[in-house]
Structures are given as C-alpha cells and as structure tokens.
C-alpha cells in the first residue's frame, strides 16, 4: 500500500488507486474540495513535495491554465489517483477558509 506523508500532519497508508483528496479527508486532513472532485475550482490544491503523482489529465491541465497555476509541483488532489508514496502539503484547508471540512458551499 502506498504511504502519504502530509507536512505537519504525519503519514498514513492508502489503498492504491484511491483519489488523493479522499485519502486526505479520510485521514483527518481538512482539505477543501468545493466542486466535489470535478476539476473545476482548484480548492483542493496540494504541493507535491516528493513522489510521483502520475500524469496530469486534460481536465486538470485545462483548469490549471484557466486559473493561472503554472508551478509543476502544484496539483489538484481530486485528480490524483494514489499509485505510489507521496509527500504533500495542502495549499488551502477548509478551516483556513472558514468552511466545514468536506462540505461544499451548497451543502
């Protein structure tokens, strides 16, 4: 099973193929994901500190371009399927934004 290290939060194991955003949320990281994992809002961004998050799909590439995200180590956690060990740092958490973790604005 791959291991995820979250800066300041520790590490945990994740079943291979699970979406990173859900793995983070399931393990107590209050990652934001306002659009429900549809690569539209970019609130679930993570900085990849180490490891290979896999290739970037068209939807992620398109929204990154629209939002002006150019750093190659910033990825959308909703678009990453965990396949190997990763070390990440959430760019924005729900608590920092005033939102309840795991809840979309319309919930």
N, C-alpha and C. Protein backbone atom coordinates (compact mmCIF):
# COMPACT_ATOMS: atom_id res chain seq x y z
N UNK A 1 0.83 -1.19 0.00
CA UNK A 1 0.00 0.00 0.00
C UNK A 1 0.87 1.25 0.00
N UNK A 2 0.53 2.22 -0.83
CA UNK A 2 1.30 3.47 -0.84
C UNK A 2 1.14 4.23 0.48
N UNK A 3 2.14 5.02 0.81
CA UNK A 3 2.14 5.85 2.01
C UNK A 3 2.07 7.31 1.61
N UNK A 4 1.24 8.06 2.32
CA UNK A 4 1.11 9.51 2.09
C UNK A 4 1.66 10.22 3.32
N UNK A 5 2.61 11.09 3.11
CA UNK A 5 3.14 11.95 4.18
C UNK A 5 2.56 13.34 3.94
N UNK A 6 1.91 13.88 4.96
CA UNK A 6 1.31 15.21 4.86
C UNK A 6 2.10 16.13 5.79
N UNK A 7 2.68 17.16 5.24
CA UNK A 7 3.50 18.07 6.04
C UNK A 7 2.71 18.58 7.24
N UNK A 8 3.28 18.38 8.42
CA UNK A 8 2.66 18.85 9.65
C UNK A 8 1.55 17.95 10.20
N UNK A 9 1.21 16.88 9.48
CA UNK A 9 0.10 16.02 9.92
C UNK A 9 0.51 14.56 10.13
N UNK A 10 1.66 14.16 9.61
CA UNK A 10 2.09 12.77 9.74
C UNK A 10 1.86 11.99 8.46
N UNK A 11 1.88 10.66 8.59
CA UNK A 11 1.74 9.81 7.40
C UNK A 11 0.72 8.71 7.66
N UNK A 12 0.23 8.16 6.57
CA UNK A 12 -0.75 7.09 6.62
C UNK A 12 -0.68 6.31 5.32
N UNK A 13 -1.20 5.09 5.35
CA UNK A 13 -1.23 4.26 4.16
C UNK A 13 -2.59 4.38 3.49
N UNK A 14 -2.56 4.23 2.17
CA UNK A 14 -3.76 4.40 1.36
C UNK A 14 -3.85 3.24 0.37
N UNK A 15 -5.07 2.79 0.14
CA UNK A 15 -5.22 1.76 -0.88
C UNK A 15 -4.88 2.33 -2.25
N UNK A 16 -4.18 1.56 -3.03
CA UNK A 16 -3.76 2.01 -4.36
C UNK A 16 -4.98 2.33 -5.22
N UNK A 17 -4.91 3.46 -5.93
CA UNK A 17 -5.98 3.87 -6.83
C UNK A 17 -6.98 4.84 -6.22
N UNK A 18 -6.91 5.05 -4.91
CA UNK A 18 -7.84 5.98 -4.25
C UNK A 18 -7.49 7.42 -4.63
N UNK A 19 -8.51 8.26 -4.76
CA UNK A 19 -8.26 9.67 -5.04
C UNK A 19 -7.56 10.29 -3.83
N UNK A 20 -6.53 11.08 -4.10
CA UNK A 20 -5.76 11.69 -3.02
C UNK A 20 -6.64 12.56 -2.13
N UNK A 21 -7.56 13.34 -2.69
CA UNK A 21 -8.42 14.21 -1.88
C UNK A 21 -9.21 13.41 -0.86
N UNK A 22 -9.70 12.24 -1.25
CA UNK A 22 -10.48 11.41 -0.33
C UNK A 22 -9.59 10.75 0.71
N UNK A 23 -8.39 10.36 0.31
CA UNK A 23 -7.43 9.78 1.26
C UNK A 23 -7.07 10.81 2.32
N UNK A 24 -6.85 12.05 1.90
CA UNK A 24 -6.52 13.11 2.85
C UNK A 24 -7.69 13.33 3.81
N UNK A 25 -8.87 13.48 3.27
CA UNK A 25 -10.05 13.72 4.09
C UNK A 25 -10.31 12.56 5.05
N UNK A 26 -10.19 11.32 4.57
CA UNK A 26 -10.42 10.13 5.40
C UNK A 26 -9.44 10.03 6.56
N UNK A 27 -8.29 10.72 6.43
CA UNK A 27 -7.26 10.64 7.46
C UNK A 27 -7.11 11.93 8.24
N UNK A 28 -8.18 12.72 8.28
CA UNK A 28 -8.23 13.88 9.15
C UNK A 28 -7.62 15.16 8.63
N UNK A 29 -7.25 15.20 7.35
CA UNK A 29 -6.73 16.44 6.78
C UNK A 29 -7.93 17.21 6.23
N UNK A 30 -8.12 18.44 6.69
CA UNK A 30 -9.32 19.20 6.30
C UNK A 30 -9.12 19.90 4.96
N UNK A 31 -8.85 19.09 3.95
CA UNK A 31 -8.63 19.59 2.59
C UNK A 31 -9.95 20.12 2.02
N UNK A 32 -9.87 21.22 1.34
CA UNK A 32 -11.06 21.77 0.68
C UNK A 32 -11.26 21.07 -0.65
N UNK A 33 -12.51 20.92 -1.02
CA UNK A 33 -12.83 20.47 -2.38
C UNK A 33 -14.26 20.90 -2.69
N UNK A 34 -14.36 22.14 -3.04
CA UNK A 34 -15.67 22.79 -3.22
C UNK A 34 -16.47 22.24 -4.39
N UNK A 35 -15.82 21.76 -5.44
CA UNK A 35 -16.58 21.30 -6.61
C UNK A 35 -16.85 19.81 -6.57
N UNK A 36 -16.50 19.15 -5.48
CA UNK A 36 -16.79 17.73 -5.36
C UNK A 36 -15.92 16.83 -6.20
N UNK A 37 -14.71 17.27 -6.51
CA UNK A 37 -13.77 16.42 -7.24
C UNK A 37 -13.90 16.46 -8.74
N UNK A 38 -14.44 17.54 -9.28
CA UNK A 38 -14.68 17.62 -10.72
C UNK A 38 -13.69 18.50 -11.48
N UNK A 39 -12.57 18.85 -10.86
CA UNK A 39 -11.53 19.67 -11.50
C UNK A 39 -12.07 20.98 -12.02
N UNK A 40 -12.84 21.68 -11.19
CA UNK A 40 -13.40 22.97 -11.60
C UNK A 40 -12.95 24.14 -10.73
N UNK A 41 -12.68 23.87 -9.45
CA UNK A 41 -12.49 25.01 -8.55
C UNK A 41 -11.05 25.23 -8.08
N UNK A 42 -10.23 24.24 -8.09
CA UNK A 42 -8.81 24.25 -7.66
C UNK A 42 -8.62 24.45 -6.16
N UNK A 43 -9.67 24.31 -5.34
CA UNK A 43 -9.50 24.49 -3.90
C UNK A 43 -8.77 23.33 -3.24
N UNK A 44 -8.69 22.19 -3.90
CA UNK A 44 -8.04 21.01 -3.32
C UNK A 44 -6.56 20.91 -3.70
N UNK A 45 -5.97 22.03 -4.07
CA UNK A 45 -4.57 22.01 -4.50
C UNK A 45 -3.64 21.51 -3.40
N UNK A 46 -2.66 20.75 -3.82
CA UNK A 46 -1.59 20.32 -2.92
C UNK A 46 -0.26 20.59 -3.60
N UNK A 47 0.74 20.84 -2.78
CA UNK A 47 2.11 20.95 -3.27
C UNK A 47 2.71 19.56 -3.14
N UNK A 48 3.22 19.03 -4.22
CA UNK A 48 3.88 17.73 -4.20
C UNK A 48 5.32 17.97 -3.75
N UNK A 49 5.65 17.47 -2.56
CA UNK A 49 6.99 17.66 -2.00
C UNK A 49 7.93 16.55 -2.44
N UNK A 50 7.40 15.34 -2.61
CA UNK A 50 8.20 14.19 -3.06
C UNK A 50 7.26 13.13 -3.61
N UNK A 51 7.76 12.35 -4.53
CA UNK A 51 6.98 11.26 -5.11
C UNK A 51 6.41 11.63 -6.47
N UNK A 52 5.79 10.65 -7.09
CA UNK A 52 5.23 10.81 -8.43
C UNK A 52 3.71 10.75 -8.37
N UNK A 53 3.04 11.88 -8.59
CA UNK A 53 1.57 11.88 -8.54
C UNK A 53 0.92 11.31 -9.80
N UNK A 54 1.73 10.96 -10.79
CA UNK A 54 1.20 10.43 -12.04
C UNK A 54 0.94 11.54 -13.04
N UNK A 55 0.51 11.14 -14.22
CA UNK A 55 0.30 12.13 -15.29
C UNK A 55 -0.91 13.02 -15.01
N UNK A 56 -0.86 14.20 -15.58
CA UNK A 56 -1.96 15.16 -15.44
C UNK A 56 -2.93 14.96 -16.60
N UNK A 57 -4.20 14.86 -16.28
CA UNK A 57 -5.22 14.69 -17.30
C UNK A 57 -5.62 16.02 -17.93
N UNK A 58 -6.43 15.94 -18.97
CA UNK A 58 -6.86 17.13 -19.70
C UNK A 58 -7.67 18.09 -18.83
N UNK A 59 -8.58 17.57 -18.02
CA UNK A 59 -9.43 18.44 -17.19
C UNK A 59 -8.58 19.23 -16.21
N UNK A 60 -7.62 18.57 -15.57
CA UNK A 60 -6.76 19.27 -14.62
C UNK A 60 -5.89 20.30 -15.33
N UNK A 61 -5.31 19.93 -16.45
CA UNK A 61 -4.46 20.85 -17.21
C UNK A 61 -5.26 22.09 -17.65
N UNK A 62 -6.49 21.88 -18.08
CA UNK A 62 -7.31 23.00 -18.55
C UNK A 62 -7.64 23.97 -17.42
N UNK A 63 -8.06 23.46 -16.26
CA UNK A 63 -8.42 24.37 -15.16
C UNK A 63 -7.18 25.05 -14.60
N UNK A 64 -6.05 24.36 -14.58
CA UNK A 64 -4.81 25.00 -14.12
C UNK A 64 -4.46 26.17 -15.03
N UNK A 65 -4.62 25.98 -16.33
CA UNK A 65 -4.33 27.06 -17.27
C UNK A 65 -5.30 28.21 -17.07
N UNK A 66 -6.59 27.91 -16.92
CA UNK A 66 -7.62 28.93 -16.70
C UNK A 66 -7.34 29.74 -15.44
N UNK A 67 -6.90 29.06 -14.38
CA UNK A 67 -6.66 29.72 -13.09
C UNK A 67 -5.24 30.27 -12.96
N UNK A 68 -4.41 30.08 -13.98
CA UNK A 68 -3.05 30.62 -13.95
C UNK A 68 -2.09 29.87 -13.05
N UNK A 69 -2.34 28.61 -12.82
CA UNK A 69 -1.44 27.79 -11.99
C UNK A 69 -0.35 27.23 -12.91
N UNK A 70 0.86 27.70 -12.70
CA UNK A 70 1.95 27.29 -13.59
C UNK A 70 2.99 26.40 -12.92
N UNK A 71 2.99 26.35 -11.59
CA UNK A 71 4.00 25.56 -10.88
C UNK A 71 3.74 24.08 -11.11
N UNK A 72 4.73 23.35 -11.60
CA UNK A 72 4.54 21.94 -11.93
C UNK A 72 4.32 21.07 -10.70
N UNK A 73 4.74 21.54 -9.52
CA UNK A 73 4.57 20.75 -8.30
C UNK A 73 3.25 21.03 -7.59
N UNK A 74 2.41 21.89 -8.15
CA UNK A 74 1.07 22.15 -7.59
C UNK A 74 0.07 21.37 -8.42
N UNK A 75 -0.64 20.48 -7.73
CA UNK A 75 -1.60 19.61 -8.42
C UNK A 75 -2.94 19.63 -7.69
N UNK A 76 -3.98 19.19 -8.38
CA UNK A 76 -5.31 19.08 -7.79
C UNK A 76 -5.44 17.68 -7.19
N UNK A 77 -5.64 17.61 -5.88
CA UNK A 77 -5.69 16.31 -5.21
C UNK A 77 -6.89 15.47 -5.66
N UNK A 78 -7.92 16.12 -6.19
CA UNK A 78 -9.09 15.38 -6.67
C UNK A 78 -8.81 14.65 -7.98
N UNK A 79 -7.71 14.98 -8.62
CA UNK A 79 -7.38 14.37 -9.90
C UNK A 79 -6.23 13.38 -9.83
N UNK A 80 -5.70 13.17 -8.63
CA UNK A 80 -4.58 12.25 -8.44
C UNK A 80 -5.10 10.93 -7.88
N UNK A 81 -4.82 9.85 -8.58
CA UNK A 81 -5.07 8.50 -8.08
C UNK A 81 -3.76 8.02 -7.48
N UNK A 82 -3.78 7.71 -6.20
CA UNK A 82 -2.56 7.33 -5.50
C UNK A 82 -2.06 5.98 -6.02
N UNK A 83 -0.85 5.98 -6.54
CA UNK A 83 -0.23 4.76 -7.07
C UNK A 83 1.09 4.45 -6.38
N UNK A 84 1.69 5.48 -5.76
CA UNK A 84 2.99 5.29 -5.09
C UNK A 84 3.09 6.26 -3.92
N UNK A 85 4.14 6.13 -3.14
CA UNK A 85 4.34 7.00 -1.98
C UNK A 85 4.41 8.46 -2.42
N UNK A 86 3.78 9.32 -1.63
CA UNK A 86 3.78 10.76 -1.90
C UNK A 86 4.00 11.53 -0.61
N UNK A 87 4.62 12.68 -0.73
CA UNK A 87 4.72 13.64 0.35
C UNK A 87 4.08 14.92 -0.17
N UNK A 88 3.08 15.43 0.56
CA UNK A 88 2.32 16.58 0.08
C UNK A 88 2.09 17.61 1.17
N UNK A 89 1.74 18.81 0.72
CA UNK A 89 1.36 19.89 1.63
C UNK A 89 0.11 20.55 1.04
N UNK A 90 -1.02 20.51 1.74
CA UNK A 90 -2.22 21.18 1.23
C UNK A 90 -1.95 22.68 1.07
N UNK A 91 -2.43 23.25 -0.03
CA UNK A 91 -2.26 24.68 -0.27
C UNK A 91 -3.29 25.46 0.53
N UNK A 92 -4.51 24.93 0.65
CA UNK A 92 -5.58 25.58 1.39
C UNK A 92 -6.37 24.51 2.13
N UNK A 93 -6.70 24.78 3.37
CA UNK A 93 -7.54 23.83 4.11
C UNK A 93 -8.90 24.45 4.35
N UNK A 94 -9.85 23.62 4.64
CA UNK A 94 -11.21 24.09 4.88
C UNK A 94 -11.26 25.03 6.08
N UNK A 95 -10.53 24.70 7.14
CA UNK A 95 -10.56 25.54 8.34
C UNK A 95 -9.97 26.91 8.08
N UNK A 96 -8.97 27.00 7.20
CA UNK A 96 -8.40 28.31 6.86
C UNK A 96 -9.40 29.17 6.11
N UNK A 97 -10.30 28.53 5.37
CA UNK A 97 -11.26 29.27 4.55
C UNK A 97 -12.55 29.57 5.30
N UNK A 98 -12.72 28.98 6.49
CA UNK A 98 -13.95 29.16 7.23
C UNK A 98 -15.03 28.16 6.86
N UNK A 99 -14.71 27.22 5.95
CA UNK A 99 -15.66 26.19 5.55
C UNK A 99 -15.50 24.96 6.42
N UNK A 100 -16.56 24.22 6.59
CA UNK A 100 -16.50 22.96 7.31
C UNK A 100 -15.82 21.94 6.42
N UNK A 101 -14.84 21.17 6.95
CA UNK A 101 -14.15 20.18 6.14
C UNK A 101 -15.11 19.22 5.44
N UNK A 102 -14.82 18.97 4.15
CA UNK A 102 -15.61 18.01 3.38
C UNK A 102 -16.96 18.50 2.89
N UNK A 103 -17.30 19.76 3.18
CA UNK A 103 -18.61 20.28 2.76
C UNK A 103 -18.44 21.27 1.64
N UNK A 104 -19.29 21.13 0.65
CA UNK A 104 -19.32 22.10 -0.43
C UNK A 104 -20.21 23.26 -0.01
N UNK A 105 -20.07 24.44 -0.62
CA UNK A 105 -20.85 25.60 -0.21
C UNK A 105 -22.36 25.38 -0.21
N UNK A 106 -22.88 24.57 -1.13
CA UNK A 106 -24.32 24.37 -1.19
C UNK A 106 -24.81 23.32 -0.22
N UNK A 107 -23.94 22.62 0.50
CA UNK A 107 -24.35 21.58 1.46
C UNK A 107 -24.96 22.19 2.71
